[in-house]
Amino acid sequence: MQNTIEPSGIRAAAPAMTARLTSRTHVLVVDDEQDIAGLIKHGLEKGGEIEAEVVTAGDAALKSVTERTPDLIILDLNLPVLSGLEVCRILRARPNTASVPIIMLTARSTETDRVTGLDVGADDYITKPFSLRELTARVRAVLRRGRAEAAPAASGALVYRGKHIVADFDAVSVLVEGQAVRLTRREFELLRYLVQNRNRVLSRDRLLERVWGYDRLVETRSVDVHVGRLRGKLGVAGRQIETVVGLGYRFVE
C-alpha cells in the first residue's frame, strides 16, 4: 500500500542538513512544513543517488539556488516571505535556472491553481495529501529525462523549416516569422517530439512518457497546459499543433 502524506499530523523528521558539495544529484525541497519536507528528503535519499537540501522560505530558496544550482526543485506554494509562484517566476526569468525542472507541491487543488502553477513555468503539479512513492517516482523520471536530453543527439534532421517556423533543435533555437521565440526546456522538448512525429496523432499518455519521462499513467494537466502555452508563444505557427478530440495532439505541415 502506498504511503500517503497528509499536510499535518506527521511525526517530525530531523532538520535538513546543510547541502554538501558531492557528485550526487542535488534536489532542493522548498516547504515550510518541516515534517513533510523531512519525509520527502528521507524518501529521495534512500537510494543514495540523490542529495536533498531543505529550505523553508521563498527568499531562502532563491539564496540557495544562487549559491548552488540544483538539478531539480520541489516547490511548495504557500511560503513565507515570497510565495512559490513568485519564486518560480523569478527562477524562470534567470538564464541559469530557466531550464531547472520544478515540481510544485501544494495543498491548493483547484483547476485554476493547477493551471496557474504550470503557466508560470512549473514542469508538474502535485497536490497534498500525496503519495510519497509517486512523488519519488516522478522526481526520478524527470531526472532520467534530463540525463537523456543531455546525451548526444541521435542522428537525423536537427532543423525543421516550415512556412512560419524554423526550429534548430541542435542549437536550441526557434524562430517564428524570423523572430526568436523563447521557450522553456519542457516546451522545447514538447515541440521537438511533436515535430519529429509530425502528421501523427500523439496521445497524452505517449507525450507524458516521451517528453516528461513518466513510465506509467499519472494524473496531471501538464500536457494540456504546456501545449496551450506553446501554441501561444508560437503565434501563427501554433496553428500547426492540432487537438484531435478524444485522442491527443498532432503537429501538421
Protein backbone atom coordinates (compact mmCIF):
# COMPACT_ATOMS: atom_id res chain seq x y z
CA MET A 1 0.00 0.00 0.00
CA GLN A 2 1.28 3.44 -0.87
CA ASN A 3 2.37 5.86 1.83
CA THR A 4 0.05 8.86 1.84
CA ILE A 5 1.39 12.14 3.17
CA GLU A 6 -1.06 14.45 4.93
CA PRO A 7 -0.44 18.19 5.38
CA SER A 8 -0.26 17.72 9.14
CA GLY A 9 -0.11 15.10 11.84
CA ILE A 10 3.18 13.53 10.78
CA ARG A 11 5.92 12.81 13.27
CA ALA A 12 8.69 15.36 12.99
CA ALA A 13 11.72 14.47 10.92
CA ALA A 14 15.25 15.55 11.69
CA PRO A 15 16.15 19.06 10.48
CA ALA A 16 17.64 19.18 7.00
CA MET A 17 21.41 19.12 6.89
CA THR A 18 23.32 21.79 5.02
CA ALA A 19 23.87 20.66 1.43
CA ARG A 20 27.30 19.22 0.77
CA LEU A 21 29.14 19.52 -2.48
CA THR A 22 29.05 15.94 -3.75
CA SER A 23 28.67 14.15 -7.03
CA ARG A 24 25.14 13.10 -6.11
CA THR A 25 22.11 14.61 -7.83
CA HIS A 26 21.08 17.75 -5.93
CA VAL A 27 17.36 18.25 -5.27
CA LEU A 28 16.13 21.36 -3.45
CA VAL A 29 12.97 20.87 -1.36
CA VAL A 30 11.20 24.13 -0.52
CA ASP A 31 8.45 23.65 2.06
CA ASP A 32 7.73 25.43 5.34
CA GLU A 33 6.19 22.29 6.87
CA GLN A 34 9.37 20.70 8.14
CA ASP A 35 7.81 17.33 8.92
CA ILE A 36 6.70 16.89 5.31
CA ALA A 37 9.98 18.26 3.96
CA GLY A 38 11.91 15.85 6.19
CA LEU A 39 9.99 12.84 4.93
CA ILE A 40 10.48 13.92 1.30
CA LYS A 41 14.20 14.31 1.95
CA HIS A 42 14.37 10.85 3.53
CA GLY A 43 12.40 9.27 0.65
CA LEU A 44 14.59 10.83 -2.03
CA GLU A 45 17.87 9.97 -0.33
CA LYS A 46 17.05 6.30 0.34
CA GLY A 47 18.78 5.06 -2.80
CA GLY A 48 21.95 7.05 -2.14
CA GLU A 49 21.98 8.75 -5.54
CA ILE A 50 20.15 11.93 -4.53
CA GLU A 51 21.16 14.61 -2.04
CA ALA A 52 18.13 16.60 -0.89
CA GLU A 53 18.51 20.05 0.65
CA VAL A 54 15.57 21.59 2.56
CA VAL A 55 14.75 25.29 2.92
CA THR A 56 11.57 26.69 4.43
CA ALA A 57 11.04 30.12 2.83
CA GLY A 58 10.91 31.67 -0.63
CA ASP A 59 13.84 34.02 -0.10
CA ALA A 60 15.92 31.15 1.29
CA ALA A 61 15.15 29.16 -1.87
CA LEU A 62 16.47 31.94 -4.10
CA LYS A 63 19.60 32.28 -1.94
CA SER A 64 20.23 28.53 -2.09
CA VAL A 65 19.78 28.39 -5.88
CA THR A 66 22.15 31.35 -6.31
CA GLU A 67 24.83 29.57 -4.30
CA ARG A 68 24.34 26.21 -6.00
CA THR A 69 22.04 25.44 -8.93
CA PRO A 70 20.05 22.28 -8.15
CA ASP A 71 19.20 19.53 -10.62
CA LEU A 72 15.52 19.72 -9.63
CA ILE A 73 13.31 21.76 -7.28
CA ILE A 74 10.26 20.58 -5.31
CA LEU A 75 8.42 23.82 -4.53
CA ASP A 76 5.52 24.50 -2.18
CA LEU A 77 3.28 27.49 -3.00
CA ASN A 78 2.39 28.74 0.48
CA LEU A 79 5.76 30.00 1.68
CA PRO A 80 6.92 32.79 3.99
CA VAL A 81 8.44 35.98 2.52
CA LEU A 82 7.98 35.01 -1.16
CA SER A 83 5.27 32.68 -2.48
CA GLY A 84 6.15 29.64 -4.52
CA LEU A 85 4.60 31.22 -7.61
CA GLU A 86 6.85 34.28 -7.25
CA VAL A 87 9.90 32.08 -6.70
CA CYS A 88 9.04 30.12 -9.84
CA ARG A 89 8.62 33.30 -11.90
CA ILE A 90 11.99 34.63 -10.74
CA LEU A 91 13.80 31.38 -11.46
CA ARG A 92 12.26 31.06 -14.92
CA ALA A 93 13.41 34.63 -15.73
CA ARG A 94 17.04 33.83 -14.88
CA PRO A 95 19.03 32.25 -17.74
CA ASN A 96 20.93 29.85 -15.45
CA THR A 97 17.75 28.48 -13.83
CA ALA A 98 15.26 28.79 -16.70
CA SER A 99 15.58 25.10 -17.52
CA VAL A 100 15.82 23.64 -14.00
CA PRO A 101 12.86 21.23 -13.55
CA ILE A 102 10.32 22.43 -10.96
CA ILE A 103 7.65 20.22 -9.41
CA MET A 104 5.10 22.22 -7.43
CA LEU A 105 3.75 20.57 -4.28
CA THR A 106 0.85 22.26 -2.52
CA ALA A 107 -2.48 21.94 -0.75
CA ARG A 108 -4.08 24.14 -3.43
CA SER A 109 -6.00 21.67 -5.57
CA THR A 110 -8.42 23.62 -7.79
CA GLU A 111 -8.02 23.52 -11.56
CA THR A 112 -7.28 27.25 -11.58
CA ASP A 113 -4.43 26.76 -9.11
CA ARG A 114 -3.01 23.91 -11.18
CA VAL A 115 -3.14 25.87 -14.41
CA THR A 116 -1.62 28.95 -12.77
CA GLY A 117 1.25 26.90 -11.37
CA LEU A 118 2.00 25.27 -14.70
CA ASP A 119 1.57 28.54 -16.54
CA VAL A 120 4.31 30.30 -14.57
CA GLY A 121 6.73 27.55 -15.59
CA ALA A 122 6.36 24.51 -13.35
CA ASP A 123 7.02 21.16 -15.03
CA ASP A 124 4.41 19.40 -12.92
CA TYR A 125 1.99 19.99 -10.04
CA ILE A 126 1.23 17.59 -7.18
CA THR A 127 -1.39 18.27 -4.51
CA LYS A 128 -1.38 17.40 -0.81
CA PRO A 129 -2.14 14.83 0.52
CA PHE A 130 0.14 12.92 -1.83
CA SER A 131 1.82 9.56 -2.26
CA LEU A 132 5.48 9.72 -1.28
CA ARG A 133 6.19 6.78 -3.59
CA GLU A 134 4.59 8.56 -6.56
CA LEU A 135 6.41 11.83 -5.82
CA THR A 136 9.72 9.97 -5.67
CA ALA A 137 8.89 8.18 -8.94
CA ARG A 138 8.09 11.46 -10.65
CA VAL A 139 11.32 13.04 -9.42
CA ARG A 140 13.38 10.13 -10.72
CA ALA A 141 11.51 10.19 -14.04
CA VAL A 142 12.27 13.89 -14.53
CA LEU A 143 15.93 13.33 -13.66
CA ARG A 144 16.17 10.38 -16.07
CA ARG A 145 14.66 12.52 -18.79
CA GLY A 146 17.17 15.26 -18.07
CA ARG A 147 20.08 12.85 -18.47
CA ALA A 148 18.62 11.57 -21.74
CA GLU A 149 18.33 15.12 -23.05
CA ALA A 150 21.96 15.78 -22.12
CA ALA A 151 23.13 12.76 -24.12
CA PRO A 152 24.42 13.27 -27.69
CA ALA A 153 21.61 13.85 -30.17
CA ALA A 154 20.56 10.95 -32.32
CA SER A 155 21.39 11.11 -35.99
CA GLY A 156 18.80 12.63 -38.27
CA ALA A 157 17.43 16.02 -39.24
CA LEU A 158 18.07 18.54 -36.47
CA VAL A 159 16.44 21.51 -38.19
CA TYR A 160 12.78 21.85 -39.13
CA ARG A 161 11.83 24.54 -41.66
CA GLY A 162 8.15 25.31 -42.10
CA LYS A 163 6.16 28.15 -43.64
CA HIS A 164 6.20 30.20 -40.44
CA ILE A 165 8.70 28.45 -38.17
CA VAL A 166 12.34 27.38 -38.22
CA ALA A 167 13.35 25.16 -35.30
CA ASP A 168 17.01 24.27 -34.90
CA PHE A 169 16.95 21.51 -32.30
CA ASP A 170 20.72 21.22 -32.20
CA ALA A 171 21.22 24.94 -31.50
CA VAL A 172 18.11 25.12 -29.27
CA SER A 173 16.72 27.94 -31.39
CA VAL A 174 13.16 28.62 -32.56
CA LEU A 175 12.24 31.40 -34.99
CA VAL A 176 8.68 32.32 -35.95
CA GLU A 177 8.37 34.73 -38.88
CA GLY A 178 12.08 35.45 -38.38
CA GLN A 179 11.67 36.44 -34.72
CA ALA A 180 13.28 34.45 -31.91
CA VAL A 181 10.85 32.73 -29.56
CA ARG A 182 11.90 31.95 -26.01
CA LEU A 183 10.70 28.54 -24.84
CA THR A 184 11.17 26.74 -21.55
CA ARG A 185 13.05 23.45 -21.57
CA ARG A 186 9.80 21.47 -21.37
CA GLU A 187 8.12 23.49 -24.14
CA PHE A 188 11.17 23.00 -26.37
CA GLU A 189 11.20 19.23 -25.80
CA LEU A 190 7.46 19.07 -26.44
CA LEU A 191 7.87 20.92 -29.73
CA ARG A 192 10.78 18.69 -30.70
CA TYR A 193 8.78 15.50 -30.15
CA LEU A 194 5.70 16.83 -31.94
CA VAL A 195 7.81 17.88 -34.94
CA GLN A 196 9.73 14.61 -35.02
CA ASN A 197 6.37 12.82 -35.21
CA ARG A 198 4.58 15.36 -37.41
CA ASN A 199 1.31 14.39 -39.04
CA ARG A 200 0.89 11.63 -36.44
CA VAL A 201 -1.60 11.75 -33.57
CA LEU A 202 0.16 11.52 -30.21
CA SER A 203 -1.83 10.65 -27.11
CA ARG A 204 -1.35 12.48 -23.83
CA ASP A 205 -0.02 9.27 -22.30
CA ARG A 206 2.62 8.96 -25.01
CA LEU A 207 3.66 12.59 -24.59
CA LEU A 208 3.95 12.09 -20.82
CA GLU A 209 6.13 9.06 -21.42
CA ARG A 210 8.42 10.54 -24.08
CA VAL A 211 8.61 14.21 -23.05
CA TRP A 212 8.11 14.08 -19.28
CA GLY A 213 9.73 10.68 -18.77
CA TYR A 214 6.84 9.09 -16.88
CA ASP A 215 6.66 5.35 -17.46
CA ARG A 216 3.07 4.98 -16.28
CA LEU A 217 -0.15 6.93 -16.28
CA VAL A 218 -0.14 9.86 -13.85
CA GLU A 219 -2.87 12.34 -13.15
CA THR A 220 -1.57 15.65 -14.47
CA ARG A 221 -2.70 18.64 -16.50
CA SER A 222 0.86 19.27 -17.65
CA VAL A 223 0.34 18.19 -21.26
CA ASP A 224 -2.72 20.33 -21.94
CA VAL A 225 -1.30 23.41 -20.23
CA HIS A 226 2.09 23.13 -21.92
CA VAL A 227 0.52 22.62 -25.34
CA GLY A 228 -1.66 25.69 -24.80
CA ARG A 229 1.30 27.81 -23.70
CA LEU A 230 3.44 26.53 -26.59
CA ARG A 231 0.74 27.43 -29.10
CA GLY A 232 0.53 30.92 -27.64
CA LYS A 233 4.27 31.51 -27.87
CA LEU A 234 4.46 30.19 -31.44
CA GLY A 235 1.72 32.56 -32.63
CA VAL A 236 0.71 31.79 -36.21
CA ALA A 237 2.91 28.67 -36.20
CA GLY A 238 0.98 27.43 -33.18
CA ARG A 239 -1.91 26.58 -35.50
CA GLN A 240 0.17 23.65 -36.72
CA ILE A 241 -0.45 21.93 -33.37
CA GLU A 242 -3.91 20.44 -33.71
CA THR A 243 -6.09 18.96 -30.99
CA VAL A 244 -7.55 15.61 -32.04
CA VAL A 245 -10.60 15.29 -29.79
CA GLY A 246 -10.53 12.18 -27.64
CA LEU A 247 -7.08 11.16 -28.89
CA GLY A 248 -4.39 13.79 -28.31
CA TYR A 249 -2.36 16.22 -30.40
CA ARG A 250 -0.80 16.35 -33.86
CA PHE A 251 1.75 18.67 -35.49
CA VAL A 252 0.69 19.19 -39.11
CA GLU A 253 2.57 20.65 -42.06
